Amino acid sequence: MSVAPTRTVRVLLVDDQPLVRSGLRVLMADTADLEVVGEAGTGTDGVRLAAELRPDVVLMDIRMPGMDGIEATGLITAQAEDVKVLVLTTFDEDDHVYGALRAGASGFAVKDMAVEEILAAIRVIAAGDALIAPGVTRRLIADFVRAPGTTAPGPTAPEARAPRPVVGITEREREVLTLVGRGRSNGEIAEELFISAATAKSHVSRLFTKLGARDRVQLVIMAYEMGLVSPPR
């Protein structure tokens, strides 16, 4: 027996291609838990609508005329910490991904992904439960953390790439942070540590508060910075 969704995710579409926005809007209209609350064809309009509508997730294109998606993402995340941004792009050039990370993006998706995967990515970002496309995103974050002179987003961005000491968290929270850094979902963390999913989620929530992280992307970056996870070679 199916269970009715308990929460509708409010989505703002920001893309300069009307056909892309129209296609996504039609697809979300057929889902019970996703609702398009607004559309914008420019970064400037996206920032304005995000402030007015306060969506749960902004699906943000990177390349747009005038204000691009990276600048728009930075303005949106600065004015509303509870609004998540999922960057939607057709390419994976590192400089654009790094820029989106610095701006506070919570995840990445590519336009040639299956529609169900994009919709799932929106749900994941809204829930803050796991990273998008773990293999790709972990590699990009690892490169981001490893790059000399790169400043990670968030309140704890050191100048050096040397590991930072782990302070202010318990040993169990350290274990949880390590698994978050490896891209594990809350359910996978619970299974590996032999705890309930609710307890795993509680530990992750406390890490957000203690470390001042806005989402799991920042927790992953911090796990690398603290030396809990080693970047892939």
Protein backbone atom coordinates (compact mmCIF):
# COMPACT_ATOMS: atom_id res chain seq x y z
CA MET A 1 0.00 0.00 0.00
CA SER A 2 1.41 3.40 -0.96
CA VAL A 3 1.94 6.06 1.65
CA ALA A 4 0.98 9.65 0.90
CA PRO A 5 3.88 12.13 1.02
CA THR A 6 4.04 14.02 4.29
CA ARG A 7 5.70 17.11 2.80
CA THR A 8 5.62 18.95 -0.49
CA VAL A 9 8.95 20.30 -1.70
CA ARG A 10 8.57 23.80 -3.14
CA VAL A 11 10.84 24.31 -6.15
CA LEU A 12 11.95 27.43 -8.00
CA LEU A 13 13.20 26.84 -11.57
CA VAL A 14 15.95 29.17 -12.80
CA ASP A 15 17.03 28.49 -16.40
CA ASP A 16 17.23 30.70 -19.48
CA GLN A 17 15.77 27.96 -21.69
CA PRO A 18 11.94 28.06 -21.59
CA LEU A 19 11.71 24.50 -22.92
CA VAL A 20 13.80 23.18 -20.04
CA ARG A 21 11.65 24.99 -17.49
CA SER A 22 8.45 23.85 -19.20
CA GLY A 23 9.55 20.23 -19.30
CA LEU A 24 10.52 20.20 -15.63
CA ARG A 25 7.32 21.97 -14.64
CA VAL A 26 5.17 19.41 -16.47
CA LEU A 27 7.07 16.52 -14.91
CA MET A 28 6.76 17.90 -11.39
CA ALA A 29 3.04 18.50 -11.93
CA ASP A 30 2.68 14.72 -12.11
CA THR A 31 4.38 14.18 -8.73
CA ALA A 32 2.59 14.46 -5.42
CA ASP A 33 5.56 15.75 -3.43
CA LEU A 34 7.10 18.38 -5.75
CA GLU A 35 5.56 21.76 -6.56
CA VAL A 36 6.96 24.43 -8.88
CA VAL A 37 6.26 27.73 -7.13
CA GLY A 38 8.02 29.98 -9.63
CA GLU A 39 10.20 30.28 -12.72
CA ALA A 40 12.95 32.67 -13.77
CA GLY A 41 14.88 33.02 -17.00
CA THR A 42 17.75 35.07 -15.54
CA GLY A 43 19.91 34.95 -12.45
CA THR A 44 18.65 38.38 -11.38
CA ASP A 45 15.02 37.26 -11.48
CA GLY A 46 15.98 34.04 -9.73
CA VAL A 47 17.47 35.94 -6.79
CA ARG A 48 14.39 38.15 -6.57
CA LEU A 49 11.93 35.26 -6.68
CA ALA A 50 13.94 33.23 -4.17
CA ALA A 51 13.63 36.12 -1.70
CA GLU A 52 9.91 36.53 -2.37
CA LEU A 53 8.85 32.88 -2.52
CA ARG A 54 11.35 31.24 -0.15
CA PRO A 55 11.32 27.86 -1.95
CA ASP A 56 12.83 24.75 -0.41
CA VAL A 57 15.03 24.13 -3.45
CA VAL A 58 16.21 26.32 -6.32
CA LEU A 59 17.06 24.33 -9.45
CA MET A 60 19.74 26.60 -10.89
CA ASP A 61 21.29 26.65 -14.36
CA ILE A 62 24.89 27.91 -14.43
CA ARG A 63 25.15 29.58 -17.81
CA MET A 64 22.64 32.40 -18.21
CA PRO A 65 22.86 35.89 -19.73
CA GLY A 66 23.76 38.68 -17.34
CA MET A 67 24.05 37.29 -13.83
CA ASP A 68 25.13 33.66 -14.09
CA GLY A 69 24.03 30.82 -11.86
CA ILE A 70 27.09 30.95 -9.64
CA GLU A 71 26.61 34.60 -8.70
CA ALA A 72 22.89 34.04 -8.25
CA THR A 73 23.55 31.03 -6.00
CA GLY A 74 25.85 33.09 -3.80
CA LEU A 75 23.25 35.82 -3.37
CA ILE A 76 20.44 33.35 -2.67
CA THR A 77 22.34 31.36 -0.06
CA ALA A 78 23.56 34.57 1.59
CA GLN A 79 20.05 35.98 1.99
CA ALA A 80 18.28 32.75 2.98
CA GLU A 81 20.19 29.93 4.65
CA ASP A 82 17.17 27.63 4.55
CA VAL A 83 16.94 27.76 0.74
CA LYS A 84 18.94 24.99 -0.92
CA VAL A 85 20.40 25.32 -4.41
CA LEU A 86 20.79 22.39 -6.78
CA VAL A 87 23.01 23.36 -9.70
CA LEU A 88 21.83 22.02 -13.05
CA THR A 89 24.40 22.07 -15.82
CA THR A 90 25.38 20.48 -19.11
CA PHE A 91 29.10 20.36 -18.37
CA ASP A 92 31.42 19.53 -15.50
CA GLU A 93 34.24 22.05 -15.85
CA ASP A 94 35.98 22.18 -12.50
CA ASP A 95 36.13 25.97 -12.26
CA HIS A 96 32.34 26.21 -12.51
CA VAL A 97 31.83 23.46 -9.94
CA TYR A 98 34.30 25.06 -7.55
CA GLY A 99 32.57 28.39 -8.01
CA ALA A 100 29.22 26.82 -7.20
CA LEU A 101 30.69 25.19 -4.08
CA ARG A 102 32.12 28.50 -2.92
CA ALA A 103 28.74 30.12 -3.55
CA GLY A 104 27.01 27.59 -1.27
CA ALA A 105 25.42 25.11 -3.69
CA SER A 106 24.14 21.97 -1.99
CA GLY A 107 24.52 19.62 -4.92
CA PHE A 108 24.94 19.12 -8.65
CA ALA A 109 22.97 17.48 -11.43
CA VAL A 110 23.46 17.36 -15.18
CA LYS A 111 20.73 17.96 -17.73
CA ASP A 112 21.27 14.62 -19.46
CA MET A 113 20.49 12.68 -16.31
CA ALA A 114 17.31 10.62 -16.33
CA VAL A 115 14.32 12.72 -15.29
CA GLU A 116 13.69 10.50 -12.28
CA GLU A 117 17.27 11.12 -11.13
CA ILE A 118 16.85 14.90 -11.31
CA LEU A 119 13.59 14.71 -9.36
CA ALA A 120 15.25 12.42 -6.81
CA ALA A 121 18.11 14.90 -6.54
CA ILE A 122 15.66 17.67 -5.69
CA ARG A 123 14.14 15.52 -2.94
CA VAL A 124 17.56 14.62 -1.56
CA ILE A 125 18.68 18.25 -1.45
CA ALA A 126 15.44 19.29 0.26
CA ALA A 127 15.86 16.57 2.90
CA GLY A 128 19.60 17.17 3.38
CA ASP A 129 19.95 13.41 3.61
CA ALA A 130 22.69 12.56 1.11
CA LEU A 131 24.92 13.92 -1.62
CA ILE A 132 23.96 14.01 -5.26
CA ALA A 133 25.76 11.56 -7.56
CA PRO A 134 28.17 10.51 -4.78
CA GLY A 135 30.98 9.29 -7.03
CA VAL A 136 31.18 12.46 -9.10
CA THR A 137 30.46 14.88 -6.28
CA ARG A 138 32.99 13.30 -3.90
CA ARG A 139 35.66 13.51 -6.60
CA LEU A 140 34.89 17.15 -7.27
CA ILE A 141 34.85 18.02 -3.57
CA ALA A 142 38.09 16.10 -3.04
CA ASP A 143 39.74 18.06 -5.86
CA PHE A 144 38.29 21.25 -4.41
CA VAL A 145 39.70 20.59 -0.95
CA ARG A 146 43.05 19.44 -2.30
CA ALA A 147 43.58 22.41 -4.63
CA PRO A 148 46.21 24.85 -3.28
CA GLY A 149 44.81 28.23 -2.35
CA THR A 150 41.20 27.13 -2.70
CA THR A 151 38.84 28.42 -0.07
CA ALA A 152 36.02 26.10 0.85
CA PRO A 153 32.56 27.53 1.49
CA GLY A 154 31.30 27.92 5.01
CA PRO A 155 32.60 29.38 8.28
CA THR A 156 35.61 27.10 8.58
CA ALA A 157 37.71 27.66 5.47
CA PRO A 158 41.43 27.53 6.30
CA GLU A 159 44.14 28.87 4.04
CA ALA A 160 46.25 25.70 4.20
CA ARG A 161 45.39 22.21 3.05
CA ALA A 162 46.88 20.59 6.18
CA PRO A 163 44.35 18.57 8.25
CA ARG A 164 42.53 20.51 10.93
CA PRO A 165 42.12 19.05 14.43
CA VAL A 166 38.75 17.56 15.28
CA VAL A 167 37.44 19.56 18.23
CA GLY A 168 34.07 20.10 19.83
CA ILE A 169 32.49 16.83 18.75
CA THR A 170 32.14 13.44 20.42
CA GLU A 171 33.87 10.27 19.27
CA ARG A 172 30.59 8.95 17.88
CA GLU A 173 30.02 12.21 16.01
CA ARG A 174 33.54 11.89 14.63
CA GLU A 175 32.65 8.44 13.30
CA VAL A 176 29.47 9.81 11.76
CA LEU A 177 31.34 12.73 10.17
CA THR A 178 33.84 10.29 8.67
CA LEU A 179 31.04 8.30 7.07
CA VAL A 180 29.33 11.46 5.81
CA GLY A 181 32.67 12.36 4.23
CA ARG A 182 32.62 9.02 2.44
CA GLY A 183 29.22 9.84 0.96
CA ARG A 184 27.12 7.58 3.17
CA SER A 185 23.43 8.31 3.61
CA ASN A 186 21.84 8.34 7.06
CA GLY A 187 20.53 4.83 6.48
CA GLU A 188 23.98 3.55 5.51
CA ILE A 189 25.54 5.27 8.53
CA ALA A 190 23.00 3.57 10.79
CA GLU A 191 23.79 0.19 9.28
CA GLU A 192 27.56 0.56 9.58
CA LEU A 193 27.47 1.85 13.16
CA PHE A 194 24.67 -0.50 14.30
CA ILE A 195 22.42 2.36 15.36
CA SER A 196 18.91 3.37 14.33
CA ALA A 197 18.29 5.64 11.36
CA ALA A 198 16.75 8.20 13.71
CA THR A 199 19.91 8.21 15.84
CA ALA A 200 22.10 8.62 12.77
CA LYS A 201 19.97 11.55 11.61
CA SER A 202 20.23 13.09 15.10
CA HIS A 203 24.04 12.83 15.03
CA VAL A 204 24.17 14.50 11.61
CA SER A 205 21.88 17.29 12.82
CA ARG A 206 24.16 17.93 15.80
CA LEU A 207 27.16 18.07 13.45
CA PHE A 208 25.40 20.77 11.42
CA THR A 209 24.97 22.82 14.59
CA LYS A 210 28.38 22.21 16.16
CA LEU A 211 30.38 22.74 12.96
CA GLY A 212 28.24 25.53 11.54
CA ALA A 213 27.58 23.63 8.30
CA ARG A 214 24.57 24.49 6.15
CA ASP A 215 24.36 21.09 4.44
CA ARG A 216 26.11 17.77 3.82
CA VAL A 217 28.35 19.20 1.12
CA GLN A 218 30.01 21.38 3.75
CA LEU A 219 30.25 18.44 6.14
CA VAL A 220 32.05 16.44 3.46
CA ILE A 221 34.49 19.31 2.87
CA MET A 222 35.13 19.57 6.61
CA ALA A 223 35.73 15.81 6.83
CA TYR A 224 38.46 16.18 4.20
CA GLU A 225 39.90 19.25 5.89
CA MET A 226 40.02 17.47 9.25
CA GLY A 227 41.89 14.54 7.71
CA LEU A 228 39.05 12.10 8.44
CA VAL A 229 38.77 11.19 4.75
CA SER A 230 41.57 11.12 2.21
CA PRO A 231 40.99 12.51 -1.30
CA PRO A 232 41.02 9.80 -3.98
CA ARG A 233 44.23 9.52 -5.97
